């Protein structure tokens, strides 16, 4: 079956673009002609560069696996390095594969991806699975919401460790303010792998809404409360990223000098599976038994900011 390059969803004044062929990514999300997510350049299908997408799925793990080597249950699995010359494997495999369209109507869609873990595919991830993404777009007049549900099913004969998440990019104007609450944050080494977990320092503490400014982040926050809000005084909008309790971690990627910020709800810490194998606790590592499935949901919404 030929892969569909683009799906357009609409509901009231909300519009969303899905890119099944390009990692099952979201190519854009607008409400009343204002970007809720960072728009992908052009129509999002010219060069299939998923890294320019508005949002893409993270599965069967998020963030990085050290040196692209996964050790679980006493077995060592060498994974494919999938991020140029970066030493670690990153963000799983869903974002770098085409997804097939299972259903699409005006405001809803389902995309599917199957990984058989045979031959060369085993180097990407050594266990087979099926994944499903469900999208629903809503506009109730007061706000617009894009809801994304990600499901992973083990189609093999052995349990495997897994994690889920998303990588949404939001526009970050100079005047943007950010609010989210978390218990701790991981400090990283030069390759963005965790070194020490600390209490959130004042410079990174956004428990109360405040300006982002030039704060530079690429860190995992733990004990996230499940809601993050980005307000833009320039457009009088507040964008909210909300996720299920399973997504107890929030990765915040705010590169200096850029006009976007990524607020990534994820179910586990960076390199969680290797660290759990070595005895670390509370990493967010989960195991998926044969035939079992696990789902979680994220909602991205936009509303007019209250007058101040």
C-alpha atoms as a PDB file:
ATOM      1  CA  UNK A   1       0.000   0.000   0.000  1.00  0.00           C
ATOM      2  CA  UNK A   2       1.351   3.448  -0.912  1.00  0.00           C
ATOM      3  CA  UNK A   3       2.119   5.626   2.083  1.00  0.00           C
ATOM      4  CA  UNK A   4      -0.040   8.723   2.469  1.00  0.00           C
ATOM      5  CA  UNK A   5       2.184  11.794   2.719  1.00  0.00           C
ATOM      6  CA  UNK A   6      -0.297  14.176   4.339  1.00  0.00           C
ATOM      7  CA  UNK A   7      -3.626  14.284   6.204  1.00  0.00           C
ATOM      8  CA  UNK A   8      -5.453  17.485   7.098  1.00  0.00           C
ATOM      9  CA  UNK A   9      -7.761  17.594  10.123  1.00  0.00           C
ATOM     10  CA  UNK A  10     -10.142  20.446  10.856  1.00  0.00           C
ATOM     11  CA  UNK A  11     -12.593  21.334  13.627  1.00  0.00           C
ATOM     12  CA  UNK A  12     -14.115  24.806  13.821  1.00  0.00           C
ATOM     13  CA  UNK A  13     -11.207  27.223  13.500  1.00  0.00           C
ATOM     14  CA  UNK A  14      -8.603  24.565  14.353  1.00  0.00           C
ATOM     15  CA  UNK A  15      -6.407  22.891  11.746  1.00  0.00           C
ATOM     16  CA  UNK A  16      -3.818  20.126  12.066  1.00  0.00           C
ATOM     17  CA  UNK A  17      -1.553  18.435   9.533  1.00  0.00           C
ATOM     18  CA  UNK A  18      -0.424  14.834   9.971  1.00  0.00           C
ATOM     19  CA  UNK A  19       2.494  13.323   8.071  1.00  0.00           C
ATOM     20  CA  UNK A  20       2.182   9.507   8.096  1.00  0.00           C
ATOM     21  CA  UNK A  21       5.128   8.985   5.747  1.00  0.00           C
ATOM     22  CA  UNK A  22       7.355  11.274   7.817  1.00  0.00           C
ATOM     23  CA  UNK A  23       7.586   9.433  11.106  1.00  0.00           C
ATOM     24  CA  UNK A  24       3.870   9.672  11.810  1.00  0.00           C
ATOM     25  CA  UNK A  25       4.564  13.263  12.787  1.00  0.00           C
ATOM     26  CA  UNK A  26       2.374  16.317  13.203  1.00  0.00           C
ATOM     27  CA  UNK A  27       3.318  18.876  10.558  1.00  0.00           C
ATOM     28  CA  UNK A  28       1.412  21.791  12.098  1.00  0.00           C
ATOM     29  CA  UNK A  29      -1.419  22.815  14.420  1.00  0.00           C
ATOM     30  CA  UNK A  30      -3.141  26.208  14.248  1.00  0.00           C
ATOM     31  CA  UNK A  31      -6.149  27.832  15.875  1.00  0.00           C
ATOM     32  CA  UNK A  32      -7.718  30.917  14.303  1.00  0.00           C
ATOM     33  CA  UNK A  33      -4.697  31.109  11.984  1.00  0.00           C
ATOM     34  CA  UNK A  34      -2.194  31.328  14.870  1.00  0.00           C
ATOM     35  CA  UNK A  35       0.408  28.568  15.326  1.00  0.00           C
ATOM     36  CA  UNK A  36      -0.078  26.412  18.405  1.00  0.00           C
ATOM     37  CA  UNK A  37       2.883  24.208  17.454  1.00  0.00           C
ATOM     38  CA  UNK A  38       5.954  25.242  15.504  1.00  0.00           C
ATOM     39  CA  UNK A  39       4.990  24.894  11.826  1.00  0.00           C
ATOM     40  CA  UNK A  40       7.005  22.637   9.557  1.00  0.00           C
ATOM     41  CA  UNK A  41       8.558  24.570   6.653  1.00  0.00           C
ATOM     42  CA  UNK A  42       6.649  24.361   3.386  1.00  0.00           C
ATOM     43  CA  UNK A  43       4.011  21.649   3.271  1.00  0.00           C
ATOM     44  CA  UNK A  44       6.070  19.288   5.405  1.00  0.00           C
ATOM     45  CA  UNK A  45       6.534  16.671   2.714  1.00  0.00           C
ATOM     46  CA  UNK A  46       9.302  18.035   0.512  1.00  0.00           C
ATOM     47  CA  UNK A  47      12.315  16.441   2.186  1.00  0.00           C
ATOM     48  CA  UNK A  48      10.684  14.213   4.844  1.00  0.00           C
ATOM     49  CA  UNK A  49      12.886  15.793   7.517  1.00  0.00           C
ATOM     50  CA  UNK A  50      11.046  14.744  10.657  1.00  0.00           C
ATOM     51  CA  UNK A  51      13.326  16.861  12.844  1.00  0.00           C
ATOM     52  CA  UNK A  52      11.584  19.925  11.406  1.00  0.00           C
ATOM     53  CA  UNK A  53       8.131  18.599  12.304  1.00  0.00           C
ATOM     54  CA  UNK A  54       5.822  20.180  14.866  1.00  0.00           C
ATOM     55  CA  UNK A  55       5.653  17.001  16.956  1.00  0.00           C
ATOM     56  CA  UNK A  56       6.708  13.380  16.587  1.00  0.00           C
ATOM     57  CA  UNK A  57       6.222  10.183  18.623  1.00  0.00           C
ATOM     58  CA  UNK A  58       8.887   8.667  20.862  1.00  0.00           C
ATOM     59  CA  UNK A  59       8.778   4.858  21.042  1.00  0.00           C
ATOM     60  CA  UNK A  60       9.673   2.311  22.246  1.00  0.00           C
ATOM     61  CA  UNK A  61      11.856   4.677  24.289  1.00  0.00           C
ATOM     62  CA  UNK A  62      12.513   8.374  24.584  1.00  0.00           C
ATOM     63  CA  UNK A  63      15.727  10.346  24.621  1.00  0.00           C
ATOM     64  CA  UNK A  64      19.073   8.517  24.585  1.00  0.00           C
ATOM     65  CA  UNK A  65      20.487   5.026  25.123  1.00  0.00           C
ATOM     66  CA  UNK A  66      24.138   5.228  26.128  1.00  0.00           C
ATOM     67  CA  UNK A  67      26.589   4.288  23.377  1.00  0.00           C
ATOM     68  CA  UNK A  68      23.700   2.646  21.484  1.00  0.00           C
ATOM     69  CA  UNK A  69      24.071  -0.449  23.676  1.00  0.00           C
ATOM     70  CA  UNK A  70      21.122  -1.834  25.634  1.00  0.00           C
ATOM     71  CA  UNK A  71      21.740  -4.317  28.439  1.00  0.00           C
ATOM     72  CA  UNK A  72      18.631  -5.890  29.983  1.00  0.00           C
ATOM     73  CA  UNK A  73      18.091  -9.217  31.708  1.00  0.00           C
ATOM     74  CA  UNK A  74      21.798  -9.901  31.418  1.00  0.00           C
ATOM     75  CA  UNK A  75      21.675  -9.700  27.604  1.00  0.00           C
ATOM     76  CA  UNK A  76      23.612  -7.107  25.619  1.00  0.00           C
ATOM     77  CA  UNK A  77      22.018  -5.653  22.478  1.00  0.00           C
ATOM     78  CA  UNK A  78      23.953  -3.384  20.136  1.00  0.00           C
ATOM     79  CA  UNK A  79      21.575  -0.851  18.586  1.00  0.00           C
ATOM     80  CA  UNK A  80      21.883   1.173  15.424  1.00  0.00           C
ATOM     81  CA  UNK A  81      23.193   4.704  15.925  1.00  0.00           C
ATOM     82  CA  UNK A  82      20.395   6.733  14.377  1.00  0.00           C
ATOM     83  CA  UNK A  83      21.451  10.337  14.860  1.00  0.00           C
ATOM     84  CA  UNK A  84      24.393  11.104  12.578  1.00  0.00           C
ATOM     85  CA  UNK A  85      27.724  10.797  14.389  1.00  0.00           C
ATOM     86  CA  UNK A  86      26.105  11.023  17.824  1.00  0.00           C
ATOM     87  CA  UNK A  87      27.434   8.180  20.028  1.00  0.00           C
ATOM     88  CA  UNK A  88      24.042   7.287  21.497  1.00  0.00           C
ATOM     89  CA  UNK A  89      20.846   6.011  19.911  1.00  0.00           C
ATOM     90  CA  UNK A  90      18.004   8.472  20.313  1.00  0.00           C
ATOM     91  CA  UNK A  91      14.194   8.723  20.493  1.00  0.00           C
ATOM     92  CA  UNK A  92      13.399   5.147  19.478  1.00  0.00           C
ATOM     93  CA  UNK A  93      12.382   4.143  15.966  1.00  0.00           C
ATOM     94  CA  UNK A  94       8.831   5.355  15.376  1.00  0.00           C
ATOM     95  CA  UNK A  95       9.935   8.841  14.375  1.00  0.00           C
ATOM     96  CA  UNK A  96      12.199   7.532  11.596  1.00  0.00           C
ATOM     97  CA  UNK A  97       9.723   5.203   9.888  1.00  0.00           C
ATOM     98  CA  UNK A  98       6.604   5.618   7.775  1.00  0.00           C
ATOM     99  CA  UNK A  99       3.216   4.902   9.340  1.00  0.00           C
ATOM    100  CA  UNK A 100       0.166   3.573   7.541  1.00  0.00           C
ATOM    101  CA  UNK A 101      -3.239   5.237   7.747  1.00  0.00           C
ATOM    102  CA  UNK A 102      -5.824   3.053   9.490  1.00  0.00           C
ATOM    103  CA  UNK A 103      -8.581   5.682   9.574  1.00  0.00           C
ATOM    104  CA  UNK A 104      -9.074   9.344   8.745  1.00  0.00           C
ATOM    105  CA  UNK A 105     -12.119  11.600   8.827  1.00  0.00           C
ATOM    106  CA  UNK A 106     -12.591  15.342   9.193  1.00  0.00           C
ATOM    107  CA  UNK A 107     -11.256  15.644  12.750  1.00  0.00           C
ATOM    108  CA  UNK A 108      -9.825  12.222  13.654  1.00  0.00           C
ATOM    109  CA  UNK A 109      -7.177   9.826  12.414  1.00  0.00           C
ATOM    110  CA  UNK A 110      -5.366   6.628  13.377  1.00  0.00           C
ATOM    111  CA  UNK A 111      -1.897   5.711  12.196  1.00  0.00           C
ATOM    112  CA  UNK A 112      -0.145   2.362  12.652  1.00  0.00           C
ATOM    113  CA  UNK A 113       3.411   1.084  12.502  1.00  0.00           C
ATOM    114  CA  UNK A 114       4.683  -2.495  12.814  1.00  0.00           C
ATOM    115  CA  UNK A 115       8.247  -3.502  13.688  1.00  0.00           C
ATOM    116  CA  UNK A 116       9.137  -7.140  13.036  1.00  0.00           C
ATOM    117  CA  UNK A 117      12.661  -7.128  14.566  1.00  0.00           C
ATOM    118  CA  UNK A 118      13.962  -9.443  11.847  1.00  0.00           C
ATOM    119  CA  UNK A 119      17.118  -9.072   9.786  1.00  0.00           C
ATOM    120  CA  UNK A 120      18.451  -5.522   9.714  1.00  0.00           C
ATOM    121  CA  UNK A 121      15.438  -4.305  11.695  1.00  0.00           C
ATOM    122  CA  UNK A 122      16.741  -6.086  14.782  1.00  0.00           C
ATOM    123  CA  UNK A 123      19.518  -3.510  15.103  1.00  0.00           C
ATOM    124  CA  UNK A 124      16.903  -0.787  15.515  1.00  0.00           C
ATOM    125  CA  UNK A 125      15.084  -2.626  18.321  1.00  0.00           C
ATOM    126  CA  UNK A 126      15.501  -6.337  19.147  1.00  0.00           C
ATOM    127  CA  UNK A 127      11.852  -7.113  19.951  1.00  0.00           C
ATOM    128  CA  UNK A 128       8.785  -6.962  17.656  1.00  0.00           C
ATOM    129  CA  UNK A 129       5.863  -4.667  18.362  1.00  0.00           C
ATOM    130  CA  UNK A 130       2.948  -2.818  16.846  1.00  0.00           C
ATOM    131  CA  UNK A 131       2.250   0.852  17.547  1.00  0.00           C
ATOM    132  CA  UNK A 132      -0.850   2.968  17.031  1.00  0.00           C
ATOM    133  CA  UNK A 133      -1.356   6.715  17.140  1.00  0.00           C
ATOM    134  CA  UNK A 134      -4.850   8.173  17.502  1.00  0.00           C
ATOM    135  CA  UNK A 135      -5.455  11.870  16.857  1.00  0.00           C
ATOM    136  CA  UNK A 136      -8.524  13.938  17.650  1.00  0.00           C
ATOM    137  CA  UNK A 137      -8.961  17.656  16.958  1.00  0.00           C
ATOM    138  CA  UNK A 138     -11.568  19.730  18.811  1.00  0.00           C
ATOM    139  CA  UNK A 139     -12.636  23.392  18.930  1.00  0.00           C
ATOM    140  CA  UNK A 140     -15.275  24.316  21.509  1.00  0.00           C
ATOM    141  CA  UNK A 141     -15.050  28.042  20.806  1.00  0.00           C
ATOM    142  CA  UNK A 142     -13.113  28.835  23.982  1.00  0.00           C
ATOM    143  CA  UNK A 143     -10.082  26.746  23.085  1.00  0.00           C
ATOM    144  CA  UNK A 144      -8.794  24.195  20.579  1.00  0.00           C
ATOM    145  CA  UNK A 145      -7.263  20.857  21.532  1.00  0.00           C
ATOM    146  CA  UNK A 146      -5.269  18.251  19.655  1.00  0.00           C
ATOM    147  CA  UNK A 147      -5.391  14.960  21.564  1.00  0.00           C
ATOM    148  CA  UNK A 148      -2.808  12.261  20.809  1.00  0.00           C
ATOM    149  CA  UNK A 149      -2.945   8.722  22.176  1.00  0.00           C
ATOM    150  CA  UNK A 150       0.018   6.406  21.682  1.00  0.00           C
ATOM    151  CA  UNK A 151      -0.327   2.637  22.100  1.00  0.00           C
ATOM    152  CA  UNK A 152       2.405  -0.001  22.041  1.00  0.00           C
ATOM    153  CA  UNK A 153       1.649  -3.739  21.784  1.00  0.00           C
ATOM    154  CA  UNK A 154       4.173  -6.546  22.209  1.00  0.00           C
ATOM    155  CA  UNK A 155       3.768  -8.941  19.274  1.00  0.00           C
ATOM    156  CA  UNK A 156       6.663 -11.185  20.255  1.00  0.00           C
ATOM    157  CA  UNK A 157       7.231 -14.073  22.637  1.00  0.00           C
ATOM    158  CA  UNK A 158       9.374 -12.203  25.189  1.00  0.00           C
ATOM    159  CA  UNK A 159       8.784  -9.238  27.469  1.00  0.00           C
ATOM    160  CA  UNK A 160      10.840  -6.129  26.799  1.00  0.00           C
ATOM    161  CA  UNK A 161      11.471  -2.769  28.487  1.00  0.00           C
ATOM    162  CA  UNK A 162       9.735   0.174  26.902  1.00  0.00           C
ATOM    163  CA  UNK A 163       8.786   3.801  27.199  1.00  0.00           C
ATOM    164  CA  UNK A 164       6.543   6.249  25.362  1.00  0.00           C
ATOM    165  CA  UNK A 165       6.397   9.979  24.816  1.00  0.00           C
ATOM    166  CA  UNK A 166       6.154  12.851  22.381  1.00  0.00           C
ATOM    167  CA  UNK A 167       8.412  15.625  21.133  1.00  0.00           C
ATOM    168  CA  UNK A 168       6.202  18.695  20.547  1.00  0.00           C
ATOM    169  CA  UNK A 169       7.797  22.020  19.563  1.00  0.00           C
ATOM    170  CA  UNK A 170       5.993  25.219  20.535  1.00  0.00           C
ATOM    171  CA  UNK A 171       6.727  28.719  19.235  1.00  0.00           C
ATOM    172  CA  UNK A 172       8.700  30.717  21.805  1.00  0.00           C
ATOM    173  CA  UNK A 173       8.441  34.484  21.280  1.00  0.00           C
ATOM    174  CA  UNK A 174      10.799  36.744  23.193  1.00  0.00           C
ATOM    175  CA  UNK A 175       8.058  37.594  25.687  1.00  0.00           C
ATOM    176  CA  UNK A 176       7.024  33.975  26.405  1.00  0.00           C
ATOM    177  CA  UNK A 177       6.354  32.797  29.942  1.00  0.00           C
ATOM    178  CA  UNK A 178       6.494  29.184  31.127  1.00  0.00           C
ATOM    179  CA  UNK A 179       4.877  27.357  34.037  1.00  0.00           C
ATOM    180  CA  UNK A 180       5.242  23.756  35.188  1.00  0.00           C
ATOM    181  CA  UNK A 181       5.944  22.038  38.503  1.00  0.00           C
ATOM    182  CA  UNK A 182       8.443  19.210  39.078  1.00  0.00           C
ATOM    183  CA  UNK A 183      10.306  17.665  42.008  1.00  0.00           C
ATOM    184  CA  UNK A 184      13.782  17.346  40.513  1.00  0.00           C
ATOM    185  CA  UNK A 185      15.963  17.636  37.438  1.00  0.00           C
ATOM    186  CA  UNK A 186      18.824  15.625  35.956  1.00  0.00           C
ATOM    187  CA  UNK A 187      22.122  17.326  35.168  1.00  0.00           C
ATOM    188  CA  UNK A 188      23.804  15.891  32.076  1.00  0.00           C
ATOM    189  CA  UNK A 189      27.192  15.090  30.643  1.00  0.00           C
ATOM    190  CA  UNK A 190      28.378  16.440  27.296  1.00  0.00           C
ATOM    191  CA  UNK A 191      26.250  13.923  25.359  1.00  0.00           C
ATOM    192  CA  UNK A 192      23.051  14.756  27.332  1.00  0.00           C
ATOM    193  CA  UNK A 193      23.156  11.606  29.448  1.00  0.00           C
ATOM    194  CA  UNK A 194      22.160  11.938  33.128  1.00  0.00           C
ATOM    195  CA  UNK A 195      24.838  12.362  35.776  1.00  0.00           C
ATOM    196  CA  UNK A 196      23.162  13.633  38.946  1.00  0.00           C
ATOM    197  CA  UNK A 197      19.596  14.312  39.987  1.00  0.00           C
ATOM    198  CA  UNK A 198      19.105  17.473  42.014  1.00  0.00           C
ATOM    199  CA  UNK A 199      16.359  19.675  43.348  1.00  0.00           C
ATOM    200  CA  UNK A 200      15.260  22.132  40.688  1.00  0.00           C
ATOM    201  CA  UNK A 201      17.575  25.164  40.966  1.00  0.00           C
ATOM    202  CA  UNK A 202      16.068  28.663  41.099  1.00  0.00           C
ATOM    203  CA  UNK A 203      17.201  29.477  37.548  1.00  0.00           C
ATOM    204  CA  UNK A 204      15.212  26.497  36.205  1.00  0.00           C
ATOM    205  CA  UNK A 205      12.254  26.697  38.567  1.00  0.00           C
ATOM    206  CA  UNK A 206       9.037  27.468  36.704  1.00  0.00           C
ATOM    207  CA  UNK A 207       6.597  26.357  39.405  1.00  0.00           C
ATOM    208  CA  UNK A 208       5.201  29.890  39.111  1.00  0.00           C
ATOM    209  CA  UNK A 209       4.767  31.365  35.653  1.00  0.00           C
ATOM    210  CA  UNK A 210       7.709  33.528  34.619  1.00  0.00           C
ATOM    211  CA  UNK A 211       9.591  34.664  31.540  1.00  0.00           C
ATOM    212  CA  UNK A 212      11.793  32.081  29.835  1.00  0.00           C
ATOM    213  CA  UNK A 213      14.228  34.640  28.468  1.00  0.00           C
ATOM    214  CA  UNK A 214      17.481  33.028  27.397  1.00  0.00           C
ATOM    215  CA  UNK A 215      17.341  30.098  29.822  1.00  0.00           C
ATOM    216  CA  UNK A 216      19.010  27.161  28.012  1.00  0.00           C
ATOM    217  CA  UNK A 217      17.738  23.673  28.817  1.00  0.00           C
ATOM    218  CA  UNK A 218      17.973  20.122  27.519  1.00  0.00           C
ATOM    219  CA  UNK A 219      17.097  18.284  30.713  1.00  0.00           C
ATOM    220  CA  UNK A 220      14.731  15.719  32.194  1.00  0.00           C
ATOM    221  CA  UNK A 221      12.519  17.019  34.999  1.00  0.00           C
ATOM    222  CA  UNK A 222      11.183  14.320  37.326  1.00  0.00           C
ATOM    223  CA  UNK A 223       8.012  14.290  39.386  1.00  0.00           C
ATOM    224  CA  UNK A 224       6.296  16.447  36.778  1.00  0.00           C
ATOM    225  CA  UNK A 225       2.701  17.275  37.689  1.00  0.00           C
ATOM    226  CA  UNK A 226       1.405  16.576  34.173  1.00  0.00           C
ATOM    227  CA  UNK A 227       0.654  20.129  32.991  1.00  0.00           C
ATOM    228  CA  UNK A 228       2.904  22.739  31.386  1.00  0.00           C
ATOM    229  CA  UNK A 229       1.743  26.156  30.159  1.00  0.00           C
ATOM    230  CA  UNK A 230       3.445  28.466  27.696  1.00  0.00           C
ATOM    231  CA  UNK A 231       1.936  31.946  27.442  1.00  0.00           C
ATOM    232  CA  UNK A 232       2.574  34.402  24.638  1.00  0.00           C
ATOM    233  CA  UNK A 233       1.647  37.990  25.498  1.00  0.00           C
ATOM    234  CA  UNK A 234       2.289  38.972  21.872  1.00  0.00           C
ATOM    235  CA  UNK A 235      -0.556  36.747  20.598  1.00  0.00           C
ATOM    236  CA  UNK A 236      -2.592  36.794  23.845  1.00  0.00           C
ATOM    237  CA  UNK A 237      -2.566  32.996  23.792  1.00  0.00           C
ATOM    238  CA  UNK A 238      -1.763  30.300  26.347  1.00  0.00           C
ATOM    239  CA  UNK A 239      -0.670  26.912  25.046  1.00  0.00           C
ATOM    240  CA  UNK A 240      -1.046  23.958  27.404  1.00  0.00           C
ATOM    241  CA  UNK A 241       0.673  20.572  27.200  1.00  0.00           C
ATOM    242  CA  UNK A 242      -1.034  18.014  29.424  1.00  0.00           C
ATOM    243  CA  UNK A 243      -0.367  14.283  29.729  1.00  0.00           C
ATOM    244  CA  UNK A 244      -1.450  11.200  31.654  1.00  0.00           C
ATOM    245  CA  UNK A 245       0.075  10.357  35.021  1.00  0.00           C
ATOM    246  CA  UNK A 246       2.159   7.671  33.278  1.00  0.00           C
ATOM    247  CA  UNK A 247       4.217  10.511  31.804  1.00  0.00           C
ATOM    248  CA  UNK A 248       5.900  11.430  35.088  1.00  0.00           C
ATOM    249  CA  UNK A 249       8.862  13.088  33.379  1.00  0.00           C
ATOM    250  CA  UNK A 250       9.043  16.227  31.268  1.00  0.00           C
ATOM    251  CA  UNK A 251      11.988  16.866  28.971  1.00  0.00           C
ATOM    252  CA  UNK A 252      12.442  20.578  28.351  1.00  0.00           C
ATOM    253  CA  UNK A 253      14.556  21.498  25.335  1.00  0.00           C
ATOM    254  CA  UNK A 254      15.135  25.234  25.042  1.00  0.00           C
ATOM    255  CA  UNK A 255      18.197  25.897  22.888  1.00  0.00           C
ATOM    256  CA  UNK A 256      19.646  29.395  23.236  1.00  0.00           C
ATOM    257  CA  UNK A 257      18.834  31.896  20.522  1.00  0.00           C
ATOM    258  CA  UNK A 258      16.026  29.853  18.984  1.00  0.00           C
ATOM    259  CA  UNK A 259      12.358  30.757  18.582  1.00  0.00           C
ATOM    260  CA  UNK A 260      10.942  27.451  19.839  1.00  0.00           C
ATOM    261  CA  UNK A 261      10.820  25.301  22.947  1.00  0.00           C
ATOM    262  CA  UNK A 262      10.112  21.569  23.179  1.00  0.00           C
ATOM    263  CA  UNK A 263       8.006  20.362  26.108  1.00  0.00           C
ATOM    264  CA  UNK A 264       8.195  16.562  25.955  1.00  0.00           C
ATOM    265  CA  UNK A 265       5.984  14.378  28.181  1.00  0.00           C
ATOM    266  CA  UNK A 266       7.706  10.993  28.583  1.00  0.00           C
ATOM    267  CA  UNK A 267       7.268   7.918  30.762  1.00  0.00           C
ATOM    268  CA  UNK A 268      10.891   7.442  31.805  1.00  0.00           C
ATOM    269  CA  UNK A 269      14.235   9.083  32.447  1.00  0.00           C
ATOM    270  CA  UNK A 270      17.080   9.141  29.930  1.00  0.00           C
ATOM    271  CA  UNK A 271      18.875   5.791  29.505  1.00  0.00           C
ATOM    272  CA  UNK A 272      16.393   4.361  31.986  1.00  0.00           C
ATOM    273  CA  UNK A 273      16.662   0.725  30.902  1.00  0.00           C
ATOM    274  CA  UNK A 274      20.453   0.458  31.236  1.00  0.00           C
ATOM    275  CA  UNK A 275      20.377   2.339  34.516  1.00  0.00           C
ATOM    276  CA  UNK A 276      17.641   0.084  35.911  1.00  0.00           C
ATOM    277  CA  UNK A 277      19.700  -2.961  34.891  1.00  0.00           C
ATOM    278  CA  UNK A 278      22.596  -1.501  36.884  1.00  0.00           C
ATOM    279  CA  UNK A 279      20.419  -1.107  39.975  1.00  0.00           C
ATOM    280  CA  UNK A 280      18.968   2.393  39.694  1.00  0.00           C
ATOM    281  CA  UNK A 281      15.442   2.805  40.993  1.00  0.00           C
ATOM    282  CA  UNK A 282      12.502   5.013  39.996  1.00  0.00           C
ATOM    283  CA  UNK A 283      13.781   5.378  36.418  1.00  0.00           C
ATOM    284  CA  UNK A 284      10.324   4.923  34.900  1.00  0.00           C
ATOM    285  CA  UNK A 285      11.317   1.642  33.246  1.00  0.00           C
ATOM    286  CA  UNK A 286       8.324  -0.539  32.391  1.00  0.00           C
ATOM    287  CA  UNK A 287       8.195  -4.057  30.934  1.00  0.00           C
ATOM    288  CA  UNK A 288       5.661  -5.102  28.300  1.00  0.00           C
ATOM    289  CA  UNK A 289       4.717  -8.818  28.445  1.00  0.00           C
ATOM    290  CA  UNK A 290       3.947 -10.794  25.270  1.00  0.00           C
ATOM    291  CA  UNK A 291       0.558  -9.833  23.871  1.00  0.00           C
ATOM    292  CA  UNK A 292       0.150  -6.907  26.265  1.00  0.00           C
ATOM    293  CA  UNK A 293      -0.400  -3.284  25.288  1.00  0.00           C
ATOM    294  CA  UNK A 294       0.136   0.062  26.996  1.00  0.00           C
ATOM    295  CA  UNK A 295      -1.303   3.461  26.098  1.00  0.00           C
ATOM    296  CA  UNK A 296      -0.900   7.054  27.205  1.00  0.00           C
ATOM    297  CA  UNK A 297      -2.403  10.334  26.063  1.00  0.00           C
ATOM    298  CA  UNK A 298      -1.197  13.903  25.572  1.00  0.00           C
ATOM    299  CA  UNK A 299      -3.374  16.946  24.926  1.00  0.00           C
ATOM    300  CA  UNK A 300      -2.066  20.166  23.393  1.00  0.00           C
ATOM    301  CA  UNK A 301      -4.462  23.091  23.595  1.00  0.00           C
ATOM    302  CA  UNK A 302      -4.607  26.803  22.887  1.00  0.00           C
ATOM    303  CA  UNK A 303      -6.810  29.411  24.561  1.00  0.00           C
ATOM    304  CA  UNK A 304      -6.912  33.153  24.835  1.00  0.00           C
ATOM    305  CA  UNK A 305      -4.781  34.330  27.743  1.00  0.00           C
ATOM    306  CA  UNK A 306      -6.714  36.016  30.540  1.00  0.00           C
ATOM    307  CA  UNK A 307      -6.454  39.783  30.599  1.00  0.00           C
ATOM    308  CA  UNK A 308      -3.941  41.164  33.095  1.00  0.00           C
END
